[in-house]
Amino acid sequence: VHSNDAAAIAAQGGVTALYTLLAAAGPCTPLLPQLDGVTVSPGIYCFSTTADLAANGTLTLDGAGTYIFQVGSSITANPGSNIALVGGAD
């Protein structure tokens, strides 16, 4: 347990810096909550509440670059779901 010690303070500072960076990254492209069969290119995507990748479903990331997903509350990757990396995505 790290209660307000150096490790906890450093972690909080890192989280705050990352949040500030991502929040300033630009506007997002809204996506529907169901991700099965969706293909996206590098960019910033958002969901107002939850997102879901169906059982045995596939979300495809197509292209090299950075992918940012802003989710209002939760994202669920169900059993057997996959993320396909194509076109240089890694």
Protein backbone atom coordinates (compact mmCIF):
# COMPACT_ATOMS: atom_id res chain seq x y z
CA VAL A 1 0.00 0.00 0.00
CA HIS A 2 1.35 3.38 -1.00
CA SER A 3 -0.54 6.02 0.92
CA ASN A 4 0.74 9.46 -0.11
CA ASP A 5 4.36 8.34 -0.26
CA ALA A 6 6.84 9.18 -3.03
CA ALA A 7 5.65 6.32 -5.28
CA ALA A 8 1.99 7.35 -4.95
CA ILE A 9 2.78 11.02 -5.57
CA ALA A 10 4.86 10.16 -8.65
CA ALA A 11 2.10 7.90 -10.01
CA GLN A 12 -0.52 10.61 -9.53
CA GLY A 13 1.73 13.12 -11.30
CA GLY A 14 2.18 10.73 -14.22
CA VAL A 15 -1.56 10.09 -14.53
CA THR A 16 -2.31 13.82 -14.42
CA ALA A 17 0.30 14.58 -17.09
CA LEU A 18 -1.00 11.82 -19.37
CA TYR A 19 -4.63 12.90 -18.91
CA THR A 20 -3.72 16.50 -19.74
CA LEU A 21 -1.86 15.39 -22.87
CA LEU A 22 -4.69 13.16 -24.09
CA ALA A 23 -7.43 15.69 -23.29
CA ALA A 24 -5.61 18.27 -25.43
CA ALA A 25 -5.05 15.84 -28.32
CA GLY A 26 -8.06 17.12 -30.22
CA PRO A 27 -11.69 16.34 -30.91
CA CYS A 28 -12.89 12.77 -31.11
CA THR A 29 -14.87 10.85 -33.69
CA PRO A 30 -17.91 9.25 -32.04
CA LEU A 31 -18.34 5.51 -32.56
CA LEU A 32 -21.39 3.34 -32.00
CA PRO A 33 -21.19 1.21 -28.84
CA GLN A 34 -20.84 -2.13 -30.70
CA LEU A 35 -17.33 -2.56 -32.13
CA ASP A 36 -17.81 -5.90 -33.93
CA GLY A 37 -16.96 -5.46 -37.61
CA VAL A 38 -15.65 -1.90 -37.17
CA THR A 39 -12.41 -0.80 -38.84
CA VAL A 40 -10.67 2.39 -37.69
CA SER A 41 -7.52 4.21 -38.72
CA PRO A 42 -5.21 6.05 -36.31
CA GLY A 43 -7.11 8.77 -34.49
CA ILE A 44 -9.17 9.71 -31.46
CA TYR A 45 -12.48 7.93 -30.94
CA CYS A 46 -15.10 8.32 -28.22
CA PHE A 47 -18.13 6.67 -26.69
CA SER A 48 -20.64 8.57 -24.56
CA THR A 49 -21.03 5.71 -22.09
CA THR A 50 -20.00 2.12 -22.76
CA ALA A 51 -18.44 0.18 -25.63
CA ASP A 52 -18.62 -3.53 -26.36
CA LEU A 53 -16.74 -5.98 -28.56
CA ALA A 54 -19.06 -8.96 -29.06
CA ALA A 55 -18.09 -12.54 -28.35
CA ASN A 56 -16.08 -13.79 -31.32
CA GLY A 57 -16.24 -10.27 -32.81
CA THR A 58 -13.35 -8.38 -34.38
CA LEU A 59 -12.30 -4.73 -34.17
CA THR A 60 -9.74 -3.86 -36.84
CA LEU A 61 -7.04 -1.21 -36.35
CA ASP A 62 -5.80 -0.28 -39.83
CA GLY A 63 -2.61 1.75 -40.16
CA ALA A 64 0.48 2.78 -38.25
CA GLY A 65 -0.04 5.51 -35.69
CA THR A 66 -1.71 6.26 -32.39
CA TYR A 67 -5.20 5.12 -31.44
CA ILE A 68 -6.96 6.84 -28.54
CA PHE A 69 -10.31 5.55 -27.26
CA GLN A 70 -12.20 7.79 -24.81
CA VAL A 71 -14.84 5.70 -23.04
CA GLY A 72 -17.46 7.30 -20.78
CA SER A 73 -17.63 4.41 -18.33
CA SER A 74 -16.48 0.97 -19.51
CA ILE A 75 -15.39 -1.12 -22.47
CA THR A 76 -16.03 -4.86 -22.57
CA ALA A 77 -14.04 -7.32 -24.68
CA ASN A 78 -16.14 -10.48 -24.58
CA PRO A 79 -14.74 -14.05 -24.76
CA GLY A 80 -13.29 -14.90 -28.15
CA SER A 81 -13.23 -11.27 -29.31
CA ASN A 82 -10.23 -10.07 -31.30
CA ILE A 83 -8.35 -6.93 -32.26
CA ALA A 84 -6.92 -7.30 -35.77
CA LEU A 85 -3.81 -5.21 -36.51
CA VAL A 86 -3.42 -4.52 -40.26
CA GLY A 87 -1.74 -1.99 -42.51
CA GLY A 88 1.17 -1.40 -40.15
CA ALA A 89 -0.78 -1.16 -36.87
CA ASP A 90 1.11 -2.60 -33.92
